[in-house]
């Protein structure tokens, strides 16, 4: 399991997140017929630090999430559930040891749908920085 899969599994396994979006977390882009609310996610950056002695075992990976919902308060509820589930969390599985998840940037309000928007959904973004060790 890679870090992306570990983060997605953590979110789906969190009851508060699952209650709001179920398994509607989509890499890159949701299907056209996806029911709202849903989350699109993708890698923002990946970094391995190096010293004169070689690579440092703790890696940094950034993830961007876009939350889409029919109402502003629904988008905020999803963001709050995601943040409660993951910010500051530490956990391990067979291949990844997450040592910290931090909010790099979170939008305080949801962007309303603009005229001509096909989806007609509110959008809210969250940027996460994840520090982890790969087994």
Protein backbone atom coordinates (compact mmCIF):
# COMPACT_ATOMS: atom_id res chain seq x y z
CA UNK A 1 0.00 0.00 0.00
CA UNK A 2 1.40 3.41 -0.92
CA UNK A 3 0.84 6.64 1.00
CA UNK A 4 -2.06 7.76 -1.20
CA UNK A 5 -3.91 4.49 -0.62
CA UNK A 6 -3.17 4.71 3.14
CA UNK A 7 -4.71 8.19 3.37
CA UNK A 8 -7.79 7.21 1.37
CA UNK A 9 -8.25 4.07 3.50
CA UNK A 10 -7.97 6.14 6.70
CA UNK A 11 -10.68 8.53 5.47
CA UNK A 12 -13.05 5.76 4.34
CA UNK A 13 -12.50 3.90 7.64
CA UNK A 14 -13.47 6.97 9.69
CA UNK A 15 -17.20 6.72 10.58
CA UNK A 16 -17.87 10.49 10.44
CA UNK A 17 -16.33 10.80 6.98
CA UNK A 18 -17.98 7.61 5.73
CA UNK A 19 -21.38 8.84 6.96
CA UNK A 20 -21.08 11.94 4.75
CA UNK A 21 -19.40 10.67 1.57
CA UNK A 22 -19.26 6.89 1.83
CA UNK A 23 -16.61 5.70 -0.61
CA UNK A 24 -17.06 8.69 -2.95
CA UNK A 25 -13.35 9.65 -2.91
CA UNK A 26 -12.10 9.82 -6.47
CA UNK A 27 -8.53 10.10 -7.75
CA UNK A 28 -8.14 13.15 -9.99
CA UNK A 29 -11.72 13.46 -11.26
CA UNK A 30 -15.11 12.12 -10.20
CA UNK A 31 -17.35 10.39 -12.72
CA UNK A 32 -19.95 12.65 -14.33
CA UNK A 33 -22.77 10.85 -12.52
CA UNK A 34 -21.16 10.99 -9.03
CA UNK A 35 -23.64 11.78 -6.28
CA UNK A 36 -22.77 14.77 -4.09
CA UNK A 37 -21.16 15.20 -1.71
CA UNK A 38 -17.93 13.71 -3.01
CA UNK A 39 -14.20 14.34 -2.84
CA UNK A 40 -11.62 14.45 -5.62
CA UNK A 41 -7.99 14.04 -4.57
CA UNK A 42 -4.55 14.03 -6.05
CA UNK A 43 -0.86 14.28 -5.30
CA UNK A 44 0.36 17.85 -4.96
CA UNK A 45 4.04 17.03 -4.38
CA UNK A 46 6.39 14.36 -3.10
CA UNK A 47 9.73 14.93 -1.44
CA UNK A 48 12.54 12.79 -0.10
CA UNK A 49 15.06 14.71 1.91
CA UNK A 50 18.71 13.94 1.52
CA UNK A 51 21.70 14.61 3.71
CA UNK A 52 25.39 14.08 3.05
CA UNK A 53 24.91 10.52 4.39
CA UNK A 54 21.97 9.66 2.12
CA UNK A 55 18.21 9.90 2.17
CA UNK A 56 16.36 10.65 5.40
CA UNK A 57 13.85 7.91 6.24
CA UNK A 58 10.98 10.36 6.89
CA UNK A 59 9.29 11.39 3.65
CA UNK A 60 6.91 14.27 2.91
CA UNK A 61 3.96 13.95 0.57
CA UNK A 62 1.32 16.56 -0.19
CA UNK A 63 -2.24 15.86 -1.19
CA UNK A 64 -4.92 18.22 -2.48
CA UNK A 65 -8.59 17.44 -1.90
CA UNK A 66 -11.56 19.17 -3.52
CA UNK A 67 -14.86 18.70 -1.74
CA UNK A 68 -18.04 19.12 -3.80
CA UNK A 69 -21.52 19.42 -2.31
CA UNK A 70 -24.96 20.77 -3.15
CA UNK A 71 -24.93 23.14 -0.15
CA UNK A 72 -22.21 25.23 1.46
CA UNK A 73 -22.84 23.79 4.92
CA UNK A 74 -22.60 20.26 3.52
CA UNK A 75 -19.16 21.03 2.02
CA UNK A 76 -18.02 22.47 5.36
CA UNK A 77 -19.30 19.40 7.23
CA UNK A 78 -17.23 17.13 4.96
CA UNK A 79 -14.14 19.32 5.45
CA UNK A 80 -14.56 19.31 9.23
CA UNK A 81 -14.98 15.51 9.28
CA UNK A 82 -11.89 15.00 7.12
CA UNK A 83 -9.81 17.35 9.26
CA UNK A 84 -10.99 15.71 12.51
CA UNK A 85 -10.16 12.27 11.11
CA UNK A 86 -6.70 12.99 9.83
CA UNK A 87 -5.02 16.17 11.10
CA UNK A 88 -2.29 15.25 13.58
CA UNK A 89 -3.06 11.55 13.17
CA UNK A 90 -0.42 8.85 13.45
CA UNK A 91 -0.96 5.25 12.36
CA UNK A 92 0.78 2.31 10.72
CA UNK A 93 -0.07 -0.51 8.40
CA UNK A 94 2.14 -3.18 6.81
CA UNK A 95 3.85 -0.78 4.40
CA UNK A 96 3.40 2.81 5.66
CA UNK A 97 3.95 4.50 9.02
CA UNK A 98 2.26 7.91 9.05
CA UNK A 99 3.96 10.18 11.57
CA UNK A 100 1.90 13.34 11.10
CA UNK A 101 -0.68 14.99 8.87
CA UNK A 102 -0.83 18.77 8.73
CA UNK A 103 -3.10 21.32 7.10
CA UNK A 104 -1.03 23.27 4.59
CA UNK A 105 -3.98 25.33 3.44
CA UNK A 106 -7.68 25.05 3.95
CA UNK A 107 -10.30 27.28 2.40
CA UNK A 108 -12.51 28.89 5.01
CA UNK A 109 -15.53 29.13 2.75
CA UNK A 110 -16.93 27.14 -0.13
CA UNK A 111 -16.91 28.62 -3.61
CA UNK A 112 -20.49 28.84 -4.84
CA UNK A 113 -21.44 27.50 -8.25
CA UNK A 114 -20.86 30.07 -10.97
CA UNK A 115 -23.31 30.79 -13.78
CA UNK A 116 -22.99 28.16 -16.45
CA UNK A 117 -21.38 25.65 -14.06
CA UNK A 118 -22.42 22.21 -15.29
CA UNK A 119 -22.39 20.63 -11.85
CA UNK A 120 -23.99 23.44 -9.85
CA UNK A 121 -22.01 22.39 -6.77
CA UNK A 122 -20.14 24.21 -4.03
CA UNK A 123 -16.40 23.49 -3.96
CA UNK A 124 -14.00 23.64 -1.03
CA UNK A 125 -10.31 22.73 -1.12
CA UNK A 126 -7.97 21.24 1.47
CA UNK A 127 -4.19 20.83 1.14
CA UNK A 128 -2.52 18.27 3.41
CA UNK A 129 1.15 17.61 4.16
CA UNK A 130 1.83 14.05 5.26
CA UNK A 131 5.07 12.94 6.93
CA UNK A 132 5.61 9.17 6.76
CA UNK A 133 8.02 6.26 6.53
CA UNK A 134 7.72 3.65 3.81
CA UNK A 135 8.34 0.06 4.96
